[in-house]
Structure formats: C-alpha cells, structure tokens
Amino acid sequence: MPPISFKTVESIGRALPDVDVTTAWGQPALKVRGKMFACIASHRSAEPNTLVVMIDFGDRDALLEDDPGTYYLKEHYLNYPCVLVRLSRVRADALRDLITGAYRFVSAKGRRKSVGRSRRGVARQSRSR
C-alpha cells in the first residue's frame, strides 16, 4: 500500500458535497462552505507529515487514549477542537472515517450558528412591534 499523503486526504474530501481543496495557513486544506475541516499542520510544534483534523473534544480524547502512536496533540492545538494525525501511521479506513467525521462536525457547527442567528433576528423583530 502506498504511503498516505495529502493526495489521499484530498481524494476522500472531493467525494463529499460542497468541499473545496484550498489552503489554510499556507498549507493544503479541505474546507466546506469556507470552513476548514482538515489541513496539513503548519505550526512548528507539529511533526512533519501531520494532518490537523477538526473533531469534537470528547472524540479527540478517545483517539488519543486508544492510539497515541497515530494521534497526538501539541500545546498550540490544545484549545482547538482538533487532533493531530501522523499520516505515516494512520490506516486508510480510519482516515476516511476521520475526514468524513470532521466534515460533519464542521458542517453541523455552521448550521447551529446560522440557526442561532435566524432565531435572534426573529426575536428582535417581534420585540420591535
């Protein structure tokens, strides 16, 4: 099996709706409706060939506990809902699940914010009458 690179990540991302292959912080990235959900780590504390994947904090903790050889964190990333993934260690099926999960996580976050905005707008309108 060939080593996993961002080309593999890109091919998984292209199969998902509304995904753009672009850059974030000067590195290759996947975005859904302008929101990054996976990119090559650019911070100097990350190891080479590391992917940053947006993920819920609880899921991140489980991955770190289950497979610290593949998933890790550095101080710079602690307060962000993400996990660092060693592309040299991750299995292809696990990567597919991670990318799909990150896509859903970021997409759902965007929907929650837009629903909140529309509710506030309705509340303001009803108060002004």
N, C-alpha and C. Protein backbone atom coordinates (compact mmCIF):
# COMPACT_ATOMS: atom_id res chain seq x y z
N MET A 1 0.84 -1.18 0.00
CA MET A 1 0.00 0.00 0.00
C MET A 1 0.89 1.25 0.00
N PRO A 2 0.64 2.21 -0.89
CA PRO A 2 1.46 3.43 -0.93
C PRO A 2 1.26 4.26 0.33
N PRO A 3 2.26 5.04 0.71
CA PRO A 3 2.11 5.87 1.92
C PRO A 3 0.98 6.88 1.75
N ILE A 4 0.32 7.19 2.85
CA ILE A 4 -0.77 8.16 2.83
C ILE A 4 -0.18 9.56 2.81
N SER A 5 -0.71 10.38 1.90
CA SER A 5 -0.28 11.77 1.77
C SER A 5 -1.54 12.64 1.70
N PHE A 6 -1.33 13.94 1.49
CA PHE A 6 -2.49 14.81 1.37
C PHE A 6 -3.30 14.48 0.12
N LYS A 7 -2.68 13.88 -0.88
CA LYS A 7 -3.43 13.46 -2.08
C LYS A 7 -4.53 12.47 -1.69
N THR A 8 -4.26 11.59 -0.76
CA THR A 8 -5.27 10.65 -0.27
C THR A 8 -6.38 11.40 0.45
N VAL A 9 -5.99 12.33 1.31
CA VAL A 9 -6.95 13.17 2.04
C VAL A 9 -7.83 13.92 1.04
N GLU A 10 -7.19 14.49 0.04
CA GLU A 10 -7.90 15.25 -0.99
C GLU A 10 -8.93 14.38 -1.72
N SER A 11 -8.56 13.16 -2.06
CA SER A 11 -9.49 12.30 -2.79
C SER A 11 -10.70 11.93 -1.93
N ILE A 12 -10.50 11.76 -0.65
CA ILE A 12 -11.63 11.50 0.26
C ILE A 12 -12.52 12.73 0.33
N GLY A 13 -11.92 13.89 0.48
CA GLY A 13 -12.67 15.14 0.59
C GLY A 13 -13.46 15.48 -0.66
N ARG A 14 -12.89 15.22 -1.82
CA ARG A 14 -13.58 15.54 -3.08
C ARG A 14 -14.88 14.75 -3.26
N ALA A 15 -15.01 13.64 -2.57
CA ALA A 15 -16.23 12.82 -2.67
C ALA A 15 -17.37 13.40 -1.82
N LEU A 16 -17.09 14.39 -1.00
CA LEU A 16 -18.10 14.98 -0.11
C LEU A 16 -18.68 16.25 -0.74
N PRO A 17 -19.95 16.55 -0.48
CA PRO A 17 -20.58 17.74 -1.08
C PRO A 17 -19.99 19.05 -0.57
N ASP A 18 -19.91 20.04 -1.44
CA ASP A 18 -19.51 21.41 -1.12
C ASP A 18 -18.09 21.55 -0.59
N VAL A 19 -17.20 20.62 -0.89
CA VAL A 19 -15.83 20.68 -0.39
C VAL A 19 -14.93 21.37 -1.41
N ASP A 20 -14.11 22.28 -0.90
CA ASP A 20 -13.08 22.93 -1.71
C ASP A 20 -11.72 22.46 -1.23
N VAL A 21 -10.84 22.16 -2.18
CA VAL A 21 -9.45 21.87 -1.85
C VAL A 21 -8.73 23.20 -2.04
N THR A 22 -8.17 23.71 -0.96
CA THR A 22 -7.60 25.05 -0.96
C THR A 22 -6.40 25.07 -0.02
N THR A 23 -6.14 26.19 0.61
CA THR A 23 -5.05 26.27 1.59
C THR A 23 -5.55 26.93 2.87
N ALA A 24 -4.85 26.64 3.95
CA ALA A 24 -5.06 27.30 5.24
C ALA A 24 -3.69 27.46 5.86
N TRP A 25 -3.35 28.67 6.25
CA TRP A 25 -2.04 28.97 6.83
C TRP A 25 -0.91 28.51 5.90
N GLY A 26 -1.14 28.62 4.59
CA GLY A 26 -0.13 28.28 3.60
C GLY A 26 0.02 26.80 3.31
N GLN A 27 -0.84 25.97 3.85
CA GLN A 27 -0.75 24.52 3.66
C GLN A 27 -2.01 23.99 2.98
N PRO A 28 -1.92 22.85 2.30
CA PRO A 28 -3.11 22.27 1.66
C PRO A 28 -4.20 21.99 2.70
N ALA A 29 -5.45 22.26 2.30
CA ALA A 29 -6.57 22.12 3.25
C ALA A 29 -7.85 21.73 2.52
N LEU A 30 -8.77 21.16 3.29
CA LEU A 30 -10.13 20.90 2.84
C LEU A 30 -11.05 21.83 3.61
N LYS A 31 -11.96 22.48 2.88
CA LYS A 31 -12.94 23.37 3.51
C LYS A 31 -14.32 23.04 3.00
N VAL A 32 -15.31 23.19 3.87
CA VAL A 32 -16.71 23.07 3.48
C VAL A 32 -17.36 24.42 3.73
N ARG A 33 -17.91 25.02 2.70
CA ARG A 33 -18.51 26.35 2.76
C ARG A 33 -17.60 27.34 3.48
N GLY A 34 -16.31 27.29 3.14
CA GLY A 34 -15.34 28.24 3.67
C GLY A 34 -14.76 27.89 5.03
N LYS A 35 -15.22 26.82 5.66
CA LYS A 35 -14.72 26.42 6.98
C LYS A 35 -13.77 25.23 6.85
N MET A 36 -12.56 25.39 7.37
CA MET A 36 -11.55 24.35 7.29
C MET A 36 -11.93 23.17 8.18
N PHE A 37 -11.79 21.94 7.65
CA PHE A 37 -12.02 20.77 8.49
C PHE A 37 -10.85 19.79 8.48
N ALA A 38 -9.90 19.98 7.59
CA ALA A 38 -8.67 19.18 7.60
C ALA A 38 -7.60 19.95 6.83
N CYS A 39 -6.37 19.94 7.37
CA CYS A 39 -5.26 20.59 6.67
C CYS A 39 -3.94 20.02 7.18
N ILE A 40 -2.91 20.23 6.39
CA ILE A 40 -1.57 19.86 6.83
C ILE A 40 -1.16 20.85 7.92
N ALA A 41 -0.65 20.32 9.02
CA ALA A 41 -0.26 21.17 10.16
C ALA A 41 0.85 22.13 9.74
N SER A 42 0.69 23.39 10.13
CA SER A 42 1.69 24.39 9.76
C SER A 42 2.48 24.89 10.98
N HIS A 43 1.98 24.66 12.18
CA HIS A 43 2.70 25.15 13.36
C HIS A 43 3.98 24.35 13.55
N ARG A 44 5.02 25.04 13.93
CA ARG A 44 6.35 24.40 14.04
C ARG A 44 6.40 23.29 15.09
N SER A 45 5.46 23.26 16.02
CA SER A 45 5.47 22.21 17.04
C SER A 45 5.00 20.86 16.51
N ALA A 46 4.28 20.87 15.38
CA ALA A 46 3.77 19.62 14.82
C ALA A 46 4.87 18.88 14.07
N GLU A 47 4.79 17.57 14.08
CA GLU A 47 5.74 16.75 13.34
C GLU A 47 5.50 16.89 11.84
N PRO A 48 6.52 16.64 11.03
CA PRO A 48 6.32 16.65 9.58
C PRO A 48 5.27 15.61 9.18
N ASN A 49 4.59 15.86 8.07
CA ASN A 49 3.58 14.94 7.52
C ASN A 49 2.45 14.68 8.52
N THR A 50 2.00 15.75 9.16
CA THR A 50 0.90 15.68 10.13
C THR A 50 -0.32 16.39 9.57
N LEU A 51 -1.47 15.75 9.76
CA LEU A 51 -2.74 16.32 9.35
C LEU A 51 -3.47 16.83 10.59
N VAL A 52 -4.05 18.02 10.50
CA VAL A 52 -4.91 18.56 11.55
C VAL A 52 -6.34 18.26 11.12
N VAL A 53 -7.11 17.61 11.98
CA VAL A 53 -8.49 17.26 11.67
C VAL A 53 -9.38 17.83 12.76
N MET A 54 -10.40 18.57 12.35
CA MET A 54 -11.34 19.15 13.31
C MET A 54 -12.22 18.03 13.85
N ILE A 55 -12.38 18.02 15.18
CA ILE A 55 -13.08 16.93 15.84
C ILE A 55 -13.57 17.40 17.20
N ASP A 56 -14.65 16.83 17.67
CA ASP A 56 -15.18 17.12 18.99
C ASP A 56 -14.15 16.74 20.07
N PHE A 57 -14.10 17.52 21.15
CA PHE A 57 -13.11 17.28 22.21
C PHE A 57 -13.22 15.87 22.80
N GLY A 58 -14.43 15.37 22.99
CA GLY A 58 -14.62 14.02 23.55
C GLY A 58 -14.08 12.95 22.62
N ASP A 59 -14.36 13.08 21.33
CA ASP A 59 -13.84 12.12 20.35
C ASP A 59 -12.32 12.20 20.27
N ARG A 60 -11.80 13.41 20.37
CA ARG A 60 -10.35 13.60 20.35
C ARG A 60 -9.70 12.86 21.52
N ASP A 61 -10.27 13.02 22.71
CA ASP A 61 -9.71 12.36 23.88
C ASP A 61 -9.70 10.84 23.72
N ALA A 62 -10.76 10.30 23.12
CA ALA A 62 -10.83 8.85 22.90
C ALA A 62 -9.75 8.39 21.94
N LEU A 63 -9.55 9.12 20.85
CA LEU A 63 -8.50 8.75 19.88
C LEU A 63 -7.12 8.80 20.52
N LEU A 64 -6.86 9.85 21.28
CA LEU A 64 -5.55 10.00 21.92
C LEU A 64 -5.28 8.86 22.89
N GLU A 65 -6.31 8.42 23.59
CA GLU A 65 -6.16 7.33 24.54
C GLU A 65 -6.01 5.99 23.82
N ASP A 66 -6.79 5.77 22.77
CA ASP A 66 -6.79 4.49 22.06
C ASP A 66 -5.54 4.26 21.22
N ASP A 67 -5.01 5.32 20.59
CA ASP A 67 -3.89 5.14 19.66
C ASP A 67 -2.94 6.34 19.66
N PRO A 68 -2.18 6.52 20.75
CA PRO A 68 -1.26 7.67 20.83
C PRO A 68 -0.11 7.61 19.83
N GLY A 69 0.09 6.48 19.19
CA GLY A 69 1.11 6.39 18.16
C GLY A 69 0.68 7.07 16.86
N THR A 70 -0.63 7.15 16.65
CA THR A 70 -1.17 7.76 15.44
C THR A 70 -1.67 9.17 15.69
N TYR A 71 -2.34 9.37 16.82
CA TYR A 71 -2.98 10.66 17.14
C TYR A 71 -2.23 11.33 18.28
N TYR A 72 -2.05 12.64 18.16
CA TYR A 72 -1.33 13.35 19.21
C TYR A 72 -1.77 14.81 19.24
N LEU A 73 -1.29 15.53 20.24
CA LEU A 73 -1.54 16.97 20.38
C LEU A 73 -0.25 17.66 20.76
N LYS A 74 -0.18 18.91 20.46
CA LYS A 74 0.88 19.80 20.93
C LYS A 74 0.18 20.97 21.59
N GLU A 75 0.88 21.65 22.48
CA GLU A 75 0.28 22.72 23.27
C GLU A 75 -0.48 23.74 22.41
N HIS A 76 0.06 24.09 21.27
CA HIS A 76 -0.57 25.08 20.40
C HIS A 76 -2.01 24.70 20.04
N TYR A 77 -2.30 23.42 19.94
CA TYR A 77 -3.59 22.94 19.47
C TYR A 77 -4.57 22.56 20.59
N LEU A 78 -4.14 22.64 21.84
CA LEU A 78 -4.95 22.15 22.96
C LEU A 78 -6.35 22.76 23.05
N ASN A 79 -6.49 24.04 22.82
CA ASN A 79 -7.78 24.71 23.00
C ASN A 79 -8.66 24.70 21.75
N TYR A 80 -8.22 24.02 20.72
CA TYR A 80 -8.99 23.93 19.49
C TYR A 80 -9.61 22.54 19.37
N PRO A 81 -10.80 22.44 18.81
CA PRO A 81 -11.43 21.12 18.66
C PRO A 81 -10.81 20.38 17.46
N CYS A 82 -9.61 19.85 17.69
CA CYS A 82 -8.90 19.16 16.61
C CYS A 82 -7.97 18.11 17.19
N VAL A 83 -7.49 17.26 16.31
CA VAL A 83 -6.48 16.27 16.68
C VAL A 83 -5.42 16.27 15.58
N LEU A 84 -4.20 15.97 15.96
CA LEU A 84 -3.10 15.85 15.00
C LEU A 84 -2.96 14.37 14.64
N VAL A 85 -2.80 14.11 13.35
CA VAL A 85 -2.76 12.73 12.84
C VAL A 85 -1.45 12.51 12.08
N ARG A 86 -0.71 11.51 12.49
CA ARG A 86 0.51 11.14 11.78
C ARG A 86 0.09 10.35 10.53
N LEU A 87 0.24 10.98 9.37
CA LEU A 87 -0.18 10.32 8.13
C LEU A 87 0.62 9.04 7.87
N SER A 88 1.81 8.96 8.39
CA SER A 88 2.63 7.75 8.20
C SER A 88 2.11 6.57 9.02
N ARG A 89 1.23 6.85 9.99
CA ARG A 89 0.76 5.78 10.89
C ARG A 89 -0.73 5.45 10.73
N VAL A 90 -1.52 6.38 10.20
CA VAL A 90 -2.97 6.18 10.16
C VAL A 90 -3.34 5.16 9.08
N ARG A 91 -4.32 4.32 9.40
CA ARG A 91 -4.84 3.36 8.42
C ARG A 91 -5.80 4.09 7.47
N ALA A 92 -5.89 3.64 6.25
CA ALA A 92 -6.73 4.28 5.23
C ALA A 92 -8.20 4.33 5.66
N ASP A 93 -8.72 3.26 6.24
CA ASP A 93 -10.12 3.25 6.66
C ASP A 93 -10.36 4.22 7.82
N ALA A 94 -9.41 4.32 8.73
CA ALA A 94 -9.52 5.27 9.84
C ALA A 94 -9.46 6.70 9.31
N LEU A 95 -8.61 6.95 8.33
CA LEU A 95 -8.51 8.28 7.74
C LEU A 95 -9.83 8.67 7.08
N ARG A 96 -10.44 7.76 6.35
CA ARG A 96 -11.72 8.03 5.70
C ARG A 96 -12.77 8.40 6.76
N ASP A 97 -12.82 7.65 7.84
CA ASP A 97 -13.77 7.94 8.93
C ASP A 97 -13.49 9.30 9.55
N LEU A 98 -12.21 9.62 9.76
CA LEU A 98 -11.82 10.91 10.35
C LEU A 98 -12.24 12.08 9.46
N ILE A 99 -11.94 11.98 8.18
CA ILE A 99 -12.26 13.07 7.25
C ILE A 99 -13.77 13.26 7.17
N THR A 100 -14.50 12.17 7.06
CA THR A 100 -15.97 12.25 6.99
C THR A 100 -16.53 12.82 8.29
N GLY A 101 -16.00 12.38 9.42
CA GLY A 101 -16.45 12.90 10.71
C GLY A 101 -16.14 14.38 10.88
N ALA A 102 -14.95 14.80 10.44
CA ALA A 102 -14.57 16.22 10.53
C ALA A 102 -15.49 17.07 9.65
N TYR A 103 -15.80 16.57 8.48
CA TYR A 103 -16.72 17.25 7.56
C TYR A 103 -18.07 17.46 8.25
N ARG A 104 -18.59 16.41 8.85
CA ARG A 104 -19.89 16.51 9.56
C ARG A 104 -19.81 17.45 10.74
N PHE A 105 -18.72 17.37 11.50
CA PHE A 105 -18.54 18.22 12.67
C PHE A 105 -18.55 19.69 12.29
N VAL A 106 -17.79 20.06 11.28
CA VAL A 106 -17.71 21.46 10.86
C VAL A 106 -19.02 21.91 10.19
N SER A 107 -19.62 21.03 9.41
CA SER A 107 -20.90 21.36 8.76
C SER A 107 -21.99 21.59 9.79
N ALA A 108 -22.06 20.74 10.79
CA ALA A 108 -23.07 20.86 11.84
C ALA A 108 -22.86 22.12 12.66
N LYS A 109 -21.61 22.46 12.93
CA LYS A 109 -21.29 23.68 13.67
C LYS A 109 -21.80 24.90 12.91
N GLY A 110 -21.61 24.93 11.62
CA GLY A 110 -22.06 26.05 10.80
C GLY A 110 -23.58 26.15 10.79
N ARG A 111 -24.26 25.02 10.75
CA ARG A 111 -25.73 25.04 10.76
C ARG A 111 -26.25 25.56 12.09
N ARG A 112 -25.63 25.16 13.19
CA ARG A 112 -26.08 25.63 14.51
C ARG A 112 -25.95 27.14 14.61
N LYS A 113 -24.85 27.70 14.11
CA LYS A 113 -24.65 29.15 14.17
C LYS A 113 -25.69 29.87 13.33
N SER A 114 -25.98 29.37 12.13
CA SER A 114 -26.94 30.06 11.27
C SER A 114 -28.34 29.96 11.84
N VAL A 115 -28.69 28.87 12.48
CA VAL A 115 -29.99 28.74 13.13
C VAL A 115 -30.08 29.73 14.28
N GLY A 116 -29.02 29.86 15.06
CA GLY A 116 -28.99 30.81 16.17
C GLY A 116 -29.18 32.24 15.70
N ARG A 117 -28.53 32.59 14.60
CA ARG A 117 -28.66 33.95 14.06
C ARG A 117 -30.09 34.21 13.61
N SER A 118 -30.71 33.26 12.95
CA SER A 118 -32.08 33.50 12.47
C SER A 118 -33.04 33.60 13.64
N ARG A 119 -32.83 32.86 14.69
CA ARG A 119 -33.70 32.96 15.87
C ARG A 119 -33.57 34.33 16.53
N ARG A 120 -32.32 34.82 16.63
CA ARG A 120 -32.14 36.14 17.23
C ARG A 120 -32.84 37.20 16.38
N GLY A 121 -32.73 37.06 15.08
CA GLY A 121 -33.37 38.03 14.19
C GLY A 121 -34.88 38.03 14.36
N VAL A 122 -35.49 36.88 14.52
CA VAL A 122 -36.94 36.79 14.74
C VAL A 122 -37.30 37.41 16.07
N ALA A 123 -36.51 37.15 17.09
CA ALA A 123 -36.80 37.70 18.42
C ALA A 123 -36.73 39.23 18.39
N ARG A 124 -35.76 39.78 17.71
CA ARG A 124 -35.65 41.24 17.63
C ARG A 124 -36.82 41.83 16.89
N GLN A 125 -37.25 41.19 15.83
CA GLN A 125 -38.39 41.72 15.08
C GLN A 125 -39.64 41.75 15.94
N SER A 126 -39.88 40.69 16.70
CA SER A 126 -41.12 40.64 17.48
C SER A 126 -41.09 41.65 18.62
N ARG A 127 -39.92 41.98 19.15
CA ARG A 127 -39.84 42.99 20.22
C ARG A 127 -40.08 44.39 19.69
N SER A 128 -39.75 44.63 18.44
CA SER A 128 -39.86 46.00 17.92
C SER A 128 -41.28 46.34 17.48
N ARG A 129 -42.17 45.40 17.49
CA ARG A 129 -43.55 45.66 17.05
C ARG A 129 -44.35 46.33 18.10
